[in-house]
C-alpha atoms as a PDB file:
ATOM      1  CA  MET A   1       8.757 224.864  32.164  1.00  0.00           C
ATOM      2  CA  ASP A   2       5.298 223.969  33.542  1.00  0.00           C
ATOM      3  CA  ASN A   3       6.143 220.246  33.329  1.00  0.00           C
ATOM      4  CA  GLU A   4       9.123 220.412  35.688  1.00  0.00           C
ATOM      5  CA  PRO A   5       8.628 218.514  38.954  1.00  0.00           C
ATOM      6  CA  THR A   6       8.268 220.589  42.078  1.00  0.00           C
ATOM      7  CA  HIS A   7      10.630 220.063  44.981  1.00  0.00           C
ATOM      8  CA  GLU A   8       8.603 221.889  47.587  1.00  0.00           C
ATOM      9  CA  CYS A   9       7.277 220.050  50.627  1.00  0.00           C
ATOM     10  CA  LEU A  10       3.907 221.837  50.538  1.00  0.00           C
ATOM     11  CA  GLY A  11       3.496 221.388  54.287  1.00  0.00           C
ATOM     12  CA  GLU A  12       3.525 217.586  54.127  1.00  0.00           C
ATOM     13  CA  GLU A  13       4.769 215.494  57.039  1.00  0.00           C
ATOM     14  CA  HIS A  14       8.352 214.309  56.812  1.00  0.00           C
ATOM     15  CA  THR A  15       9.302 210.751  57.605  1.00  0.00           C
ATOM     16  CA  GLY A  16      12.658 211.245  59.273  1.00  0.00           C
ATOM     17  CA  ASN A  17      11.730 208.817  62.046  1.00  0.00           C
ATOM     18  CA  GLY A  18      12.382 211.589  64.539  1.00  0.00           C
ATOM     19  CA  VAL A  19      16.134 211.199  64.084  1.00  0.00           C
ATOM     20  CA  PRO A  20      17.852 214.604  64.160  1.00  0.00           C
ATOM     21  CA  VAL A  21      20.468 215.361  61.534  1.00  0.00           C
ATOM     22  CA  GLN A  22      23.709 217.217  62.188  1.00  0.00           C
ATOM     23  CA  LEU A  23      26.041 219.068  59.914  1.00  0.00           C
ATOM     24  CA  PRO A  24      29.726 218.232  60.300  1.00  0.00           C
ATOM     25  CA  ASP A  25      32.064 220.930  61.517  1.00  0.00           C
ATOM     26  CA  PRO A  26      32.851 223.407  58.676  1.00  0.00           C
ATOM     27  CA  LEU A  27      36.591 222.887  59.183  1.00  0.00           C
ATOM     28  CA  VAL A  28      36.134 219.130  58.757  1.00  0.00           C
ATOM     29  CA  CYS A  29      34.110 219.755  55.580  1.00  0.00           C
ATOM     30  CA  SER A  30      36.860 222.029  54.259  1.00  0.00           C
ATOM     31  CA  ARG A  31      39.596 219.460  54.923  1.00  0.00           C
ATOM     32  CA  THR A  32      37.519 216.679  53.395  1.00  0.00           C
ATOM     33  CA  ALA A  33      36.793 218.748  50.270  1.00  0.00           C
ATOM     34  CA  ALA A  34      40.557 219.293  49.883  1.00  0.00           C
ATOM     35  CA  ILE A  35      41.084 215.523  50.018  1.00  0.00           C
ATOM     36  CA  PHE A  36      38.452 214.955  47.326  1.00  0.00           C
ATOM     37  CA  ARG A  37      40.016 217.675  45.145  1.00  0.00           C
ATOM     38  CA  ALA A  38      43.386 215.926  45.462  1.00  0.00           C
ATOM     39  CA  LEU A  39      41.815 212.582  44.577  1.00  0.00           C
ATOM     40  CA  GLY A  40      39.949 214.134  41.634  1.00  0.00           C
ATOM     41  CA  ASP A  41      42.870 214.062  39.212  1.00  0.00           C
ATOM     42  CA  VAL A  42      43.483 211.069  36.919  1.00  0.00           C
ATOM     43  CA  SER A  43      47.279 211.194  37.279  1.00  0.00           C
ATOM     44  CA  ARG A  44      47.176 211.399  41.072  1.00  0.00           C
ATOM     45  CA  LEU A  45      44.518 208.692  41.274  1.00  0.00           C
ATOM     46  CA  SER A  46      46.634 206.392  39.089  1.00  0.00           C
ATOM     47  CA  LEU A  47      49.575 206.972  41.414  1.00  0.00           C
ATOM     48  CA  LEU A  48      47.399 206.268  44.457  1.00  0.00           C
ATOM     49  CA  SER A  49      46.073 203.063  42.903  1.00  0.00           C
ATOM     50  CA  LEU A  50      49.661 201.791  42.804  1.00  0.00           C
ATOM     51  CA  LEU A  51      50.287 202.791  46.406  1.00  0.00           C
ATOM     52  CA  ALA A  52      47.070 201.028  47.403  1.00  0.00           C
ATOM     53  CA  GLN A  53      48.806 197.808  46.333  1.00  0.00           C
ATOM     54  CA  ARG A  54      52.088 198.373  48.179  1.00  0.00           C
ATOM     55  CA  GLU A  55      54.667 200.877  49.345  1.00  0.00           C
ATOM     56  CA  MET A  56      56.814 202.149  46.473  1.00  0.00           C
ATOM     57  CA  CYS A  57      59.802 204.434  45.990  1.00  0.00           C
ATOM     58  CA  VAL A  58      59.719 207.397  43.624  1.00  0.00           C
ATOM     59  CA  SER A  59      61.746 205.631  40.927  1.00  0.00           C
ATOM     60  CA  GLU A  60      59.311 202.680  40.959  1.00  0.00           C
ATOM     61  CA  LEU A  61      56.373 205.068  40.631  1.00  0.00           C
ATOM     62  CA  THR A  62      58.095 206.930  37.792  1.00  0.00           C
ATOM     63  CA  GLU A  63      58.737 203.685  35.921  1.00  0.00           C
ATOM     64  CA  SER A  64      55.296 202.179  36.591  1.00  0.00           C
ATOM     65  CA  LEU A  65      53.487 205.331  35.482  1.00  0.00           C
ATOM     66  CA  SER A  66      55.840 206.020  32.537  1.00  0.00           C
ATOM     67  CA  ASP A  67      56.143 209.596  33.699  1.00  0.00           C
ATOM     68  CA  ASN A  68      58.975 211.938  34.631  1.00  0.00           C
ATOM     69  CA  LEU A  69      60.403 212.410  38.095  1.00  0.00           C
ATOM     70  CA  PRO A  70      59.456 216.100  38.518  1.00  0.00           C
ATOM     71  CA  ALA A  71      55.789 215.361  37.704  1.00  0.00           C
ATOM     72  CA  ILE A  72      55.647 212.428  40.125  1.00  0.00           C
ATOM     73  CA  SER A  73      57.402 214.456  42.829  1.00  0.00           C
ATOM     74  CA  GLN A  74      54.946 217.333  42.405  1.00  0.00           C
ATOM     75  CA  ARG A  75      51.962 214.970  42.755  1.00  0.00           C
ATOM     76  CA  LEU A  76      53.476 213.341  45.828  1.00  0.00           C
ATOM     77  CA  LYS A  77      54.125 216.752  47.381  1.00  0.00           C
ATOM     78  CA  LEU A  78      50.458 217.691  47.033  1.00  0.00           C
ATOM     79  CA  LEU A  79      49.289 214.289  48.311  1.00  0.00           C
ATOM     80  CA  ARG A  80      51.588 214.594  51.325  1.00  0.00           C
ATOM     81  CA  SER A  81      50.333 218.089  52.095  1.00  0.00           C
ATOM     82  CA  GLU A  82      46.769 216.726  52.217  1.00  0.00           C
ATOM     83  CA  ARG A  83      47.915 213.805  54.414  1.00  0.00           C
ATOM     84  CA  ILE A  84      46.890 211.268  51.765  1.00  0.00           C
ATOM     85  CA  VAL A  85      50.320 209.659  51.499  1.00  0.00           C
ATOM     86  CA  ARG A  86      53.214 209.385  53.888  1.00  0.00           C
ATOM     87  CA  SER A  87      56.890 208.861  53.245  1.00  0.00           C
ATOM     88  CA  ARG A  88      59.863 207.268  54.886  1.00  0.00           C
ATOM     89  CA  ARG A  89      63.517 207.439  53.992  1.00  0.00           C
ATOM     90  CA  GLN A  90      65.703 204.366  53.778  1.00  0.00           C
ATOM     91  CA  GLY A  91      69.218 205.185  52.693  1.00  0.00           C
ATOM     92  CA  LYS A  92      69.017 207.074  49.401  1.00  0.00           C
ATOM     93  CA  HIS A  93      65.429 205.994  48.722  1.00  0.00           C
ATOM     94  CA  VAL A  94      62.199 207.641  49.793  1.00  0.00           C
ATOM     95  CA  TYR A  95      59.286 205.227  50.019  1.00  0.00           C
ATOM     96  CA  TYR A  96      55.654 206.292  49.806  1.00  0.00           C
ATOM     97  CA  SER A  97      52.508 204.598  51.046  1.00  0.00           C
ATOM     98  CA  LEU A  98      48.907 205.540  51.641  1.00  0.00           C
ATOM     99  CA  ALA A  99      48.531 207.493  54.869  1.00  0.00           C
ATOM    100  CA  ASP A 100      46.022 205.174  56.510  1.00  0.00           C
ATOM    101  CA  ASN A 101      43.212 202.698  56.022  1.00  0.00           C
ATOM    102  CA  HIS A 102      40.631 205.467  55.486  1.00  0.00           C
ATOM    103  CA  ILE A 103      42.491 206.591  52.370  1.00  0.00           C
ATOM    104  CA  ALA A 104      42.922 202.991  51.198  1.00  0.00           C
ATOM    105  CA  GLN A 105      39.163 202.483  51.490  1.00  0.00           C
ATOM    106  CA  LEU A 106      38.415 205.730  49.626  1.00  0.00           C
ATOM    107  CA  ILE A 107      40.670 204.678  46.753  1.00  0.00           C
ATOM    108  CA  SER A 108      39.303 201.136  46.673  1.00  0.00           C
ATOM    109  CA  ASN A 109      35.660 202.199  46.874  1.00  0.00           C
ATOM    110  CA  GLY A 110      36.111 204.948  44.281  1.00  0.00           C
ATOM    111  CA  LEU A 111      37.814 202.656  41.784  1.00  0.00           C
ATOM    112  CA  GLU A 112      35.248 199.927  42.360  1.00  0.00           C
ATOM    113  CA  HIS A 113      32.378 202.361  41.841  1.00  0.00           C
ATOM    114  CA  GLY A 114      34.089 203.780  38.740  1.00  0.00           C
ATOM    115  CA  SER A 115      34.367 200.298  37.236  1.00  0.00           C
ATOM    116  CA  GLU A 116      30.617 199.672  37.465  1.00  0.00           C
ATOM    117  CA  GLU A 117      28.451 199.959  34.368  1.00  0.00           C
ATOM    118  CA  PRO A 118      26.810 203.359  33.959  1.00  0.00           C
ATOM    119  CA  TYR A 119      23.332 203.780  35.348  1.00  0.00           C
ATOM    120  CA  GLY A 120      20.221 203.550  33.202  1.00  0.00           C
END
C-alpha cells in the first residue's frame, strides 16, 4: 500500500484562478439524480432513442422495440413521472415525445459518448 499515490494537498497553493465554486441546490441535485437513474436502464434508453428521432404512439414503440404493451407502458409511466417524456392524446392514440431539448441533448450526448472507443 506504500506505493499508492497520495491525494492530499500538503499545503500547496491551488490554481483555481480565484474563481469561487458553488454547489447546486440539494433539491436540484436530487431531481437530476432521479433523471439519471431513469436514463440508466437499457430498455428505457432504447425507448428514448426512438423518441429522440420523432414522436411515436405506444403501439409504434411496442412494435419497434419488439416488446409487450404493459412493459412499454410501465417505462413510459416512469419517464413521464420524471418529466423526461410528455404525452398528448389524439383520438384513440396517445403520442409520446421527449419533454424538451435538454432531454434530447442528454440522450444524444450519452449515446454519442457510449459509441466512442473505450479509453486506453
